[in-house]
Amino acid sequence: MAAIATSLIGYTVKAVIFAALAYAGIICGKKFRDKKEADRA
């Protein structure tokens, strides 16, 4: 049972890290696009 709990915690931590990286990528992408459009205008 402890092995299952440890595995679940490990996968949860990985999922949270990947979600944070994805969110940061989306925010940076939007800022980059807005800057590019502002330079173009």
PDB file of N, CA and C in Angstrom:
ATOM      1  N   MET A   1       0.826  -1.197   0.000  1.00  0.00           N
ATOM      2  CA  MET A   1       0.000   0.000   0.000  1.00  0.00           C
ATOM      3  C   MET A   1       0.864   1.253   0.000  1.00  0.00           C
ATOM      4  N   ALA A   2       1.976   1.216   0.703  1.00  0.00           N
ATOM      5  CA  ALA A   2       2.856   2.381   0.764  1.00  0.00           C
ATOM      6  C   ALA A   2       3.461   2.667  -0.603  1.00  0.00           C
ATOM      7  N   ALA A   3       3.748   1.625  -1.351  1.00  0.00           N
ATOM      8  CA  ALA A   3       4.321   1.821  -2.685  1.00  0.00           C
ATOM      9  C   ALA A   3       3.331   2.514  -3.613  1.00  0.00           C
ATOM     10  N   ILE A   4       2.069   2.172  -3.482  1.00  0.00           N
ATOM     11  CA  ILE A   4       1.035   2.809  -4.307  1.00  0.00           C
ATOM     12  C   ILE A   4       0.919   4.284  -3.947  1.00  0.00           C
ATOM     13  N   ALA A   5       0.921   4.591  -2.660  1.00  0.00           N
ATOM     14  CA  ALA A   5       0.814   5.982  -2.207  1.00  0.00           C
ATOM     15  C   ALA A   5       2.030   6.784  -2.671  1.00  0.00           C
ATOM     16  N   THR A   6       3.200   6.217  -2.565  1.00  0.00           N
ATOM     17  CA  THR A   6       4.418   6.904  -2.993  1.00  0.00           C
ATOM     18  C   THR A   6       4.384   7.175  -4.492  1.00  0.00           C
ATOM     19  N   SER A   7       3.955   6.195  -5.249  1.00  0.00           N
ATOM     20  CA  SER A   7       3.857   6.353  -6.693  1.00  0.00           C
ATOM     21  C   SER A   7       2.843   7.432  -7.050  1.00  0.00           C
ATOM     22  N   LEU A   8       1.701   7.417  -6.383  1.00  0.00           N
ATOM     23  CA  LEU A   8       0.669   8.416  -6.636  1.00  0.00           C
ATOM     24  C   LEU A   8       1.168   9.820  -6.332  1.00  0.00           C
ATOM     25  N   ILE A   9       1.879   9.990  -5.229  1.00  0.00           N
ATOM     26  CA  ILE A   9       2.430  11.297  -4.868  1.00  0.00           C
ATOM     27  C   ILE A   9       3.453  11.742  -5.912  1.00  0.00           C
ATOM     28  N   GLY A  10       4.294  10.825  -6.348  1.00  0.00           N
ATOM     29  CA  GLY A  10       5.300  11.161  -7.362  1.00  0.00           C
ATOM     30  C   GLY A  10       4.676  11.612  -8.663  1.00  0.00           C
ATOM     31  N   TYR A  11       3.663  10.889  -9.125  1.00  0.00           N
ATOM     32  CA  TYR A  11       2.993  11.273 -10.369  1.00  0.00           C
ATOM     33  C   TYR A  11       2.244  12.590 -10.211  1.00  0.00           C
ATOM     34  N   THR A  12       1.680  12.836  -9.040  1.00  0.00           N
ATOM     35  CA  THR A  12       0.981  14.097  -8.790  1.00  0.00           C
ATOM     36  C   THR A  12       1.954  15.266  -8.850  1.00  0.00           C
ATOM     37  N   VAL A  13       3.113  15.119  -8.250  1.00  0.00           N
ATOM     38  CA  VAL A  13       4.130  16.183  -8.281  1.00  0.00           C
ATOM     39  C   VAL A  13       4.565  16.442  -9.718  1.00  0.00           C
ATOM     40  N   LYS A  14       4.799  15.390 -10.482  1.00  0.00           N
ATOM     41  CA  LYS A  14       5.188  15.564 -11.883  1.00  0.00           C
ATOM     42  C   LYS A  14       4.100  16.273 -12.675  1.00  0.00           C
ATOM     43  N   ALA A  15       2.854  15.908 -12.453  1.00  0.00           N
ATOM     44  CA  ALA A  15       1.739  16.531 -13.164  1.00  0.00           C
ATOM     45  C   ALA A  15       1.644  18.016 -12.824  1.00  0.00           C
ATOM     46  N   VAL A  16       1.850  18.365 -11.565  1.00  0.00           N
ATOM     47  CA  VAL A  16       1.798  19.768 -11.158  1.00  0.00           C
ATOM     48  C   VAL A  16       2.934  20.547 -11.809  1.00  0.00           C
ATOM     49  N   ILE A  17       4.126  19.969 -11.860  1.00  0.00           N
ATOM     50  CA  ILE A  17       5.267  20.645 -12.485  1.00  0.00           C
ATOM     51  C   ILE A  17       5.012  20.858 -13.972  1.00  0.00           C
ATOM     52  N   PHE A  18       4.533  19.826 -14.656  1.00  0.00           N
ATOM     53  CA  PHE A  18       4.247  19.971 -16.085  1.00  0.00           C
ATOM     54  C   PHE A  18       3.133  20.982 -16.341  1.00  0.00           C
ATOM     55  N   ALA A  19       2.138  21.012 -15.488  1.00  0.00           N
ATOM     56  CA  ALA A  19       1.052  21.988 -15.639  1.00  0.00           C
ATOM     57  C   ALA A  19       1.582  23.406 -15.454  1.00  0.00           C
ATOM     58  N   ALA A  20       2.474  23.600 -14.492  1.00  0.00           N
ATOM     59  CA  ALA A  20       3.057  24.927 -14.263  1.00  0.00           C
ATOM     60  C   ALA A  20       3.901  25.353 -15.466  1.00  0.00           C
ATOM     61  N   LEU A  21       4.671  24.424 -16.030  1.00  0.00           N
ATOM     62  CA  LEU A  21       5.477  24.739 -17.213  1.00  0.00           C
ATOM     63  C   LEU A  21       4.583  25.082 -18.401  1.00  0.00           C
ATOM     64  N   ALA A  22       3.505  24.348 -18.570  1.00  0.00           N
ATOM     65  CA  ALA A  22       2.583  24.629 -19.668  1.00  0.00           C
ATOM     66  C   ALA A  22       1.945  26.004 -19.490  1.00  0.00           C
ATOM     67  N   TYR A  23       1.531  26.326 -18.278  1.00  0.00           N
ATOM     68  CA  TYR A  23       0.924  27.628 -18.005  1.00  0.00           C
ATOM     69  C   TYR A  23       1.924  28.752 -18.271  1.00  0.00           C
ATOM     70  N   ALA A  24       3.165  28.576 -17.822  1.00  0.00           N
ATOM     71  CA  ALA A  24       4.195  29.587 -18.064  1.00  0.00           C
ATOM     72  C   ALA A  24       4.445  29.749 -19.564  1.00  0.00           C
ATOM     73  N   GLY A  25       4.437  28.660 -20.292  1.00  0.00           N
ATOM     74  CA  GLY A  25       4.622  28.725 -21.742  1.00  0.00           C
ATOM     75  C   GLY A  25       3.495  29.482 -22.423  1.00  0.00           C
ATOM     76  N   ILE A  26       2.280  29.268 -21.969  1.00  0.00           N
ATOM     77  CA  ILE A  26       1.139  29.977 -22.551  1.00  0.00           C
ATOM     78  C   ILE A  26       1.251  31.472 -22.272  1.00  0.00           C
ATOM     79  N   ILE A  27       1.586  31.838 -21.046  1.00  0.00           N
ATOM     80  CA  ILE A  27       1.711  33.256 -20.685  1.00  0.00           C
ATOM     81  C   ILE A  27       2.832  33.909 -21.487  1.00  0.00           C
ATOM     82  N   CYS A  28       3.993  33.245 -21.559  1.00  0.00           N
ATOM     83  CA  CYS A  28       5.116  33.809 -22.327  1.00  0.00           C
ATOM     84  C   CYS A  28       4.766  33.914 -23.803  1.00  0.00           C
ATOM     85  N   GLY A  29       4.072  32.949 -24.347  1.00  0.00           N
ATOM     86  CA  GLY A  29       3.673  32.986 -25.746  1.00  0.00           C
ATOM     87  C   GLY A  29       2.740  34.145 -26.038  1.00  0.00           C
ATOM     88  N   LYS A  30       1.806  34.396 -25.138  1.00  0.00           N
ATOM     89  CA  LYS A  30       0.881  35.515 -25.330  1.00  0.00           C
ATOM     90  C   LYS A  30       1.630  36.845 -25.269  1.00  0.00           C
ATOM     91  N   LYS A  31       2.557  36.973 -24.315  1.00  0.00           N
ATOM     92  CA  LYS A  31       3.323  38.216 -24.201  1.00  0.00           C
ATOM     93  C   LYS A  31       4.183  38.428 -25.438  1.00  0.00           C
ATOM     94  N   PHE A  32       4.801  37.360 -25.923  1.00  0.00           N
ATOM     95  CA  PHE A  32       5.639  37.457 -27.119  1.00  0.00           C
ATOM     96  C   PHE A  32       4.800  37.869 -28.325  1.00  0.00           C
ATOM     97  N   ARG A  33       3.615  37.272 -28.471  1.00  0.00           N
ATOM     98  CA  ARG A  33       2.739  37.615 -29.590  1.00  0.00           C
ATOM     99  C   ARG A  33       2.278  39.068 -29.503  1.00  0.00           C
ATOM    100  N   ASP A  34       1.896  39.504 -28.309  1.00  0.00           N
ATOM    101  CA  ASP A  34       1.456  40.893 -28.140  1.00  0.00           C
ATOM    102  C   ASP A  34       2.586  41.867 -28.477  1.00  0.00           C
ATOM    103  N   LYS A  35       3.806  41.545 -28.057  1.00  0.00           N
ATOM    104  CA  LYS A  35       4.946  42.414 -28.354  1.00  0.00           C
ATOM    105  C   LYS A  35       5.205  42.453 -29.855  1.00  0.00           C
ATOM    106  N   LYS A  36       5.104  41.307 -30.494  1.00  0.00           N
ATOM    107  CA  LYS A  36       5.336  41.230 -31.948  1.00  0.00           C
ATOM    108  C   LYS A  36       4.286  42.037 -32.707  1.00  0.00           C
ATOM    109  N   GLU A  37       3.036  41.944 -32.269  1.00  0.00           N
ATOM    110  CA  GLU A  37       1.969  42.707 -32.913  1.00  0.00           C
ATOM    111  C   GLU A  37       2.121  44.211 -32.663  1.00  0.00           C
ATOM    112  N   ALA A  38       2.606  44.596 -31.476  1.00  0.00           N
ATOM    113  CA  ALA A  38       2.811  46.003 -31.184  1.00  0.00           C
ATOM    114  C   ALA A  38       3.927  46.582 -32.051  1.00  0.00           C
ATOM    115  N   ASP A  39       4.976  45.812 -32.293  1.00  0.00           N
ATOM    116  CA  ASP A  39       6.071  46.265 -33.147  1.00  0.00           C
ATOM    117  C   ASP A  39       5.610  46.398 -34.595  1.00  0.00           C
ATOM    118  N   ARG A  40       4.699  45.537 -35.000  1.00  0.00           N
ATOM    119  CA  ARG A  40       4.210  45.538 -36.373  1.00  0.00           C
ATOM    120  C   ARG A  40       3.292  46.719 -36.643  1.00  0.00           C
ATOM    121  N   ALA A  41       2.584  47.180 -35.626  1.00  0.00           N
ATOM    122  CA  ALA A  41       1.603  48.271 -35.808  1.00  0.00           C
ATOM    123  C   ALA A  41       2.255  49.639 -35.912  1.00  0.00           C
TER     124      ALA A  41
END
